[in-house]
């Protein structure tokens, strides 16, 4: 993957984040049917709204 810099009139930036979602008491919420699929859908929708590119998304 090629690094794509975001530019504005006064700044140039390249920011990569790694998020880890830990449910309370480490419950296995992604074993519940359709929870993983819905979670990914919500994340993708929010990222599209605020113009964030998702490089990879995994649930475990």
PDB file of N, CA and C in Angstrom:
ATOM      1  N   UNK A   1       0.825  -1.181   0.000  1.00  0.00           N
ATOM      2  CA  UNK A   1       0.000   0.000   0.000  1.00  0.00           C
ATOM      3  C   UNK A   1       0.870   1.246   0.000  1.00  0.00           C
ATOM      4  N   UNK A   2       0.513   2.160  -0.819  1.00  0.00           N
ATOM      5  CA  UNK A   2       1.260   3.409  -0.922  1.00  0.00           C
ATOM      6  C   UNK A   2       0.739   4.412   0.093  1.00  0.00           C
ATOM      7  N   UNK A   3       1.644   5.147   0.736  1.00  0.00           N
ATOM      8  CA  UNK A   3       1.231   6.179   1.686  1.00  0.00           C
ATOM      9  C   UNK A   3       0.636   7.362   0.940  1.00  0.00           C
ATOM     10  N   UNK A   4      -0.547   7.764   1.345  1.00  0.00           N
ATOM     11  CA  UNK A   4      -1.210   8.907   0.725  1.00  0.00           C
ATOM     12  C   UNK A   4      -1.293  10.022   1.753  1.00  0.00           C
ATOM     13  N   UNK A   5      -0.630  11.091   1.490  1.00  0.00           N
ATOM     14  CA  UNK A   5      -0.618  12.216   2.403  1.00  0.00           C
ATOM     15  C   UNK A   5      -1.847  13.081   2.181  1.00  0.00           C
ATOM     16  N   UNK A   6      -2.451  13.557   3.264  1.00  0.00           N
ATOM     17  CA  UNK A   6      -3.568  14.494   3.185  1.00  0.00           C
ATOM     18  C   UNK A   6      -2.995  15.891   3.302  1.00  0.00           C
ATOM     19  N   UNK A   7      -3.407  16.748   2.423  1.00  0.00           N
ATOM     20  CA  UNK A   7      -2.871  18.106   2.445  1.00  0.00           C
ATOM     21  C   UNK A   7      -3.997  19.125   2.550  1.00  0.00           C
ATOM     22  N   UNK A   8      -3.689  20.200   3.255  1.00  0.00           N
ATOM     23  CA  UNK A   8      -4.558  21.370   3.301  1.00  0.00           C
ATOM     24  C   UNK A   8      -3.695  22.562   2.933  1.00  0.00           C
ATOM     25  N   UNK A   9      -4.242  23.720   3.090  1.00  0.00           N
ATOM     26  CA  UNK A   9      -3.502  24.924   2.718  1.00  0.00           C
ATOM     27  C   UNK A   9      -2.227  25.093   3.552  1.00  0.00           C
ATOM     28  N   UNK A  10      -2.270  24.669   4.808  1.00  0.00           N
ATOM     29  CA  UNK A  10      -1.122  24.902   5.698  1.00  0.00           C
ATOM     30  C   UNK A  10      -0.501  23.641   6.287  1.00  0.00           C
ATOM     31  N   UNK A  11      -1.074  22.445   5.999  1.00  0.00           N
ATOM     32  CA  UNK A  11      -0.548  21.230   6.631  1.00  0.00           C
ATOM     33  C   UNK A  11      -0.432  20.074   5.640  1.00  0.00           C
ATOM     34  N   UNK A  12       0.430  19.152   5.992  1.00  0.00           N
ATOM     35  CA  UNK A  12       0.548  17.876   5.295  1.00  0.00           C
ATOM     36  C   UNK A  12       0.563  16.816   6.382  1.00  0.00           C
ATOM     37  N   UNK A  13      -0.281  15.768   6.237  1.00  0.00           N
ATOM     38  CA  UNK A  13      -0.340  14.763   7.300  1.00  0.00           C
ATOM     39  C   UNK A  13      -0.525  13.360   6.745  1.00  0.00           C
ATOM     40  N   UNK A  14      -0.037  12.416   7.486  1.00  0.00           N
ATOM     41  CA  UNK A  14      -0.246  10.998   7.241  1.00  0.00           C
ATOM     42  C   UNK A  14      -0.440  10.365   8.615  1.00  0.00           C
ATOM     43  N   UNK A  15      -1.652   9.965   8.910  1.00  0.00           N
ATOM     44  CA  UNK A  15      -1.960   9.432  10.233  1.00  0.00           C
ATOM     45  C   UNK A  15      -2.554   8.040  10.077  1.00  0.00           C
ATOM     46  N   UNK A  16      -1.981   7.079  10.770  1.00  0.00           N
ATOM     47  CA  UNK A  16      -2.495   5.712  10.809  1.00  0.00           C
ATOM     48  C   UNK A  16      -2.841   5.370  12.243  1.00  0.00           C
ATOM     49  N   UNK A  17      -4.016   4.799  12.457  1.00  0.00           N
ATOM     50  CA  UNK A  17      -4.467   4.410  13.791  1.00  0.00           C
ATOM     51  C   UNK A  17      -4.704   2.913  13.838  1.00  0.00           C
ATOM     52  N   UNK A  18      -4.513   2.356  15.014  1.00  0.00           N
ATOM     53  CA  UNK A  18      -4.828   0.958  15.279  1.00  0.00           C
ATOM     54  C   UNK A  18      -5.732   0.963  16.505  1.00  0.00           C
ATOM     55  N   UNK A  19      -7.002   0.623  16.307  1.00  0.00           N
ATOM     56  CA  UNK A  19      -7.959   0.618  17.410  1.00  0.00           C
ATOM     57  C   UNK A  19      -8.170  -0.798  17.909  1.00  0.00           C
ATOM     58  N   UNK A  20      -8.293  -0.923  19.210  1.00  0.00           N
ATOM     59  CA  UNK A  20      -8.601  -2.208  19.837  1.00  0.00           C
ATOM     60  C   UNK A  20      -9.854  -2.004  20.668  1.00  0.00           C
ATOM     61  N   UNK A  21     -10.851  -2.806  20.405  1.00  0.00           N
ATOM     62  CA  UNK A  21     -12.129  -2.727  21.099  1.00  0.00           C
ATOM     63  C   UNK A  21     -12.204  -3.865  22.096  1.00  0.00           C
ATOM     64  N   UNK A  22     -12.217  -3.530  23.386  1.00  0.00           N
ATOM     65  CA  UNK A  22     -12.292  -4.550  24.435  1.00  0.00           C
ATOM     66  C   UNK A  22     -13.634  -4.439  25.153  1.00  0.00           C
ATOM     67  N   UNK A  23     -14.514  -5.411  24.969  1.00  0.00           N
ATOM     68  CA  UNK A  23     -15.791  -5.366  25.669  1.00  0.00           C
ATOM     69  C   UNK A  23     -15.603  -5.540  27.176  1.00  0.00           C
ATOM     70  N   UNK A  24     -16.534  -5.025  27.913  1.00  0.00           N
ATOM     71  CA  UNK A  24     -16.468  -5.087  29.369  1.00  0.00           C
ATOM     72  C   UNK A  24     -16.382  -6.543  29.818  1.00  0.00           C
ATOM     73  N   UNK A  25     -15.518  -6.798  30.749  1.00  0.00           N
ATOM     74  CA  UNK A  25     -15.271  -8.125  31.320  1.00  0.00           C
ATOM     75  C   UNK A  25     -14.847  -9.141  30.265  1.00  0.00           C
ATOM     76  N   UNK A  26     -14.334  -8.660  29.136  1.00  0.00           N
ATOM     77  CA  UNK A  26     -13.843  -9.516  28.048  1.00  0.00           C
ATOM     78  C   UNK A  26     -14.879 -10.538  27.583  1.00  0.00           C
ATOM     79  N   UNK A  27     -16.135 -10.124  27.540  1.00  0.00           N
ATOM     80  CA  UNK A  27     -17.196 -11.000  27.053  1.00  0.00           C
ATOM     81  C   UNK A  27     -16.983 -11.295  25.571  1.00  0.00           C
ATOM     82  N   UNK A  28     -17.392 -12.451  25.148  1.00  0.00           N
ATOM     83  CA  UNK A  28     -17.240 -12.895  23.756  1.00  0.00           C
ATOM     84  C   UNK A  28     -18.440 -12.421  22.933  1.00  0.00           C
ATOM     85  N   UNK A  29     -18.561 -11.101  22.740  1.00  0.00           N
ATOM     86  CA  UNK A  29     -19.744 -10.570  22.065  1.00  0.00           C
ATOM     87  C   UNK A  29     -19.781 -10.895  20.583  1.00  0.00           C
ATOM     88  N   UNK A  30     -18.651 -11.142  19.960  1.00  0.00           N
ATOM     89  CA  UNK A  30     -18.639 -11.415  18.532  1.00  0.00           C
ATOM     90  C   UNK A  30     -19.046 -12.848  18.207  1.00  0.00           C
ATOM     91  N   UNK A  31     -19.285 -13.660  19.233  1.00  0.00           N
ATOM     92  CA  UNK A  31     -19.802 -15.007  19.005  1.00  0.00           C
ATOM     93  C   UNK A  31     -21.320 -14.982  18.841  1.00  0.00           C
ATOM     94  N   UNK A  32     -21.962 -13.887  19.231  1.00  0.00           N
ATOM     95  CA  UNK A  32     -23.405 -13.733  19.057  1.00  0.00           C
ATOM     96  C   UNK A  32     -23.669 -13.529  17.565  1.00  0.00           C
ATOM     97  N   UNK A  33     -24.650 -14.241  17.001  1.00  0.00           N
ATOM     98  CA  UNK A  33     -24.915 -14.128  15.552  1.00  0.00           C
ATOM     99  C   UNK A  33     -25.166 -12.684  15.109  1.00  0.00           C
ATOM    100  N   UNK A  34     -24.546 -12.309  14.006  1.00  0.00           N
ATOM    101  CA  UNK A  34     -24.703 -11.013  13.319  1.00  0.00           C
ATOM    102  C   UNK A  34     -24.073  -9.815  14.035  1.00  0.00           C
ATOM    103  N   UNK A  35     -23.521  -9.961  15.212  1.00  0.00           N
ATOM    104  CA  UNK A  35     -22.923  -8.826  15.917  1.00  0.00           C
ATOM    105  C   UNK A  35     -21.663  -8.355  15.190  1.00  0.00           C
ATOM    106  N   UNK A  36     -20.816  -9.279  14.779  1.00  0.00           N
ATOM    107  CA  UNK A  36     -19.582  -8.899  14.077  1.00  0.00           C
ATOM    108  C   UNK A  36     -19.904  -8.185  12.763  1.00  0.00           C
ATOM    109  N   UNK A  37     -20.848  -8.723  12.013  1.00  0.00           N
ATOM    110  CA  UNK A  37     -21.230  -8.123  10.734  1.00  0.00           C
ATOM    111  C   UNK A  37     -21.789  -6.713  10.931  1.00  0.00           C
ATOM    112  N   UNK A  38     -22.649  -6.536  11.934  1.00  0.00           N
ATOM    113  CA  UNK A  38     -23.251  -5.222  12.208  1.00  0.00           C
ATOM    114  C   UNK A  38     -22.199  -4.231  12.691  1.00  0.00           C
ATOM    115  N   UNK A  39     -21.277  -4.682  13.531  1.00  0.00           N
ATOM    116  CA  UNK A  39     -20.205  -3.823  14.034  1.00  0.00           C
ATOM    117  C   UNK A  39     -19.358  -3.293  12.876  1.00  0.00           C
ATOM    118  N   UNK A  40     -18.959  -4.180  11.961  1.00  0.00           N
ATOM    119  CA  UNK A  40     -18.154  -3.768  10.813  1.00  0.00           C
ATOM    120  C   UNK A  40     -18.915  -2.779   9.934  1.00  0.00           C
ATOM    121  N   UNK A  41     -20.201  -3.019   9.762  1.00  0.00           N
ATOM    122  CA  UNK A  41     -21.030  -2.132   8.946  1.00  0.00           C
ATOM    123  C   UNK A  41     -21.092  -0.732   9.565  1.00  0.00           C
ATOM    124  N   UNK A  42     -21.285  -0.661  10.869  1.00  0.00           N
ATOM    125  CA  UNK A  42     -21.339   0.637  11.559  1.00  0.00           C
ATOM    126  C   UNK A  42     -20.016   1.384  11.461  1.00  0.00           C
ATOM    127  N   UNK A  43     -18.918   0.668  11.641  1.00  0.00           N
ATOM    128  CA  UNK A  43     -17.593   1.286  11.554  1.00  0.00           C
ATOM    129  C   UNK A  43     -17.356   1.834  10.154  1.00  0.00           C
ATOM    130  N   UNK A  44     -17.702   1.057   9.141  1.00  0.00           N
ATOM    131  CA  UNK A  44     -17.508   1.495   7.758  1.00  0.00           C
ATOM    132  C   UNK A  44     -18.357   2.716   7.435  1.00  0.00           C
ATOM    133  N   UNK A  45     -19.600   2.751   7.934  1.00  0.00           N
ATOM    134  CA  UNK A  45     -20.481   3.897   7.685  1.00  0.00           C
ATOM    135  C   UNK A  45     -19.929   5.173   8.309  1.00  0.00           C
ATOM    136  N   UNK A  46     -19.468   5.077   9.540  1.00  0.00           N
ATOM    137  CA  UNK A  46     -18.919   6.252  10.224  1.00  0.00           C
ATOM    138  C   UNK A  46     -17.649   6.730   9.524  1.00  0.00           C
ATOM    139  N   UNK A  47     -16.802   5.800   9.138  1.00  0.00           N
ATOM    140  CA  UNK A  47     -15.559   6.170   8.450  1.00  0.00           C
ATOM    141  C   UNK A  47     -15.832   6.826   7.103  1.00  0.00           C
ATOM    142  N   UNK A  48     -16.833   6.349   6.409  1.00  0.00           N
ATOM    143  CA  UNK A  48     -17.185   6.949   5.123  1.00  0.00           C
ATOM    144  C   UNK A  48     -17.669   8.387   5.322  1.00  0.00           C
ATOM    145  N   UNK A  49     -18.458   8.624   6.384  1.00  0.00           N
ATOM    146  CA  UNK A  49     -18.968   9.967   6.681  1.00  0.00           C
ATOM    147  C   UNK A  49     -17.849  10.968   6.923  1.00  0.00           C
ATOM    148  N   UNK A  50     -16.827  10.553   7.647  1.00  0.00           N
ATOM    149  CA  UNK A  50     -15.760  11.490   8.010  1.00  0.00           C
ATOM    150  C   UNK A  50     -14.509  11.309   7.149  1.00  0.00           C
ATOM    151  N   UNK A  51     -14.676  10.612   6.028  1.00  0.00           N
ATOM    152  CA  UNK A  51     -13.632  10.460   5.019  1.00  0.00           C
ATOM    153  C   UNK A  51     -12.353   9.809   5.558  1.00  0.00           C
ATOM    154  N   UNK A  52     -12.528   8.671   6.204  1.00  0.00           N
ATOM    155  CA  UNK A  52     -11.399   7.886   6.697  1.00  0.00           C
ATOM    156  C   UNK A  52     -11.336   6.595   5.899  1.00  0.00           C
ATOM    157  N   UNK A  53     -10.152   6.245   5.447  1.00  0.00           N
ATOM    158  CA  UNK A  53      -9.957   5.018   4.686  1.00  0.00           C
ATOM    159  C   UNK A  53      -9.615   3.870   5.633  1.00  0.00           C
ATOM    160  N   UNK A  54     -10.330   2.795   5.520  1.00  0.00           N
ATOM    161  CA  UNK A  54     -10.051   1.598   6.331  1.00  0.00           C
ATOM    162  C   UNK A  54      -9.094   0.720   5.539  1.00  0.00           C
ATOM    163  N   UNK A  55      -7.957   0.427   6.120  1.00  0.00           N
ATOM    164  CA  UNK A  55      -6.963  -0.432   5.470  1.00  0.00           C
ATOM    165  C   UNK A  55      -7.296  -1.889   5.738  1.00  0.00           C
ATOM    166  N   UNK A  56      -7.633  -2.212   6.976  1.00  0.00           N
ATOM    167  CA  UNK A  56      -8.018  -3.571   7.343  1.00  0.00           C
ATOM    168  C   UNK A  56      -8.946  -3.513   8.541  1.00  0.00           C
ATOM    169  N   UNK A  57      -9.881  -4.431   8.603  1.00  0.00           N
ATOM    170  CA  UNK A  57     -10.775  -4.517   9.761  1.00  0.00           C
ATOM    171  C   UNK A  57     -10.971  -5.988  10.098  1.00  0.00           C
ATOM    172  N   UNK A  58     -10.696  -6.344  11.329  1.00  0.00           N
ATOM    173  CA  UNK A  58     -10.816  -7.721  11.796  1.00  0.00           C
ATOM    174  C   UNK A  58     -11.469  -7.732  13.179  1.00  0.00           C
ATOM    175  N   UNK A  59     -12.242  -8.745  13.419  1.00  0.00           N
ATOM    176  CA  UNK A  59     -12.853  -8.957  14.744  1.00  0.00           C
ATOM    177  C   UNK A  59     -12.432 -10.315  15.240  1.00  0.00           C
ATOM    178  N   UNK A  60     -12.123 -10.406  16.527  1.00  0.00           N
ATOM    179  CA  UNK A  60     -11.634 -11.670  17.069  1.00  0.00           C
ATOM    180  C   UNK A  60     -12.247 -11.908  18.421  1.00  0.00           C
TER     181      UNK A  60
END
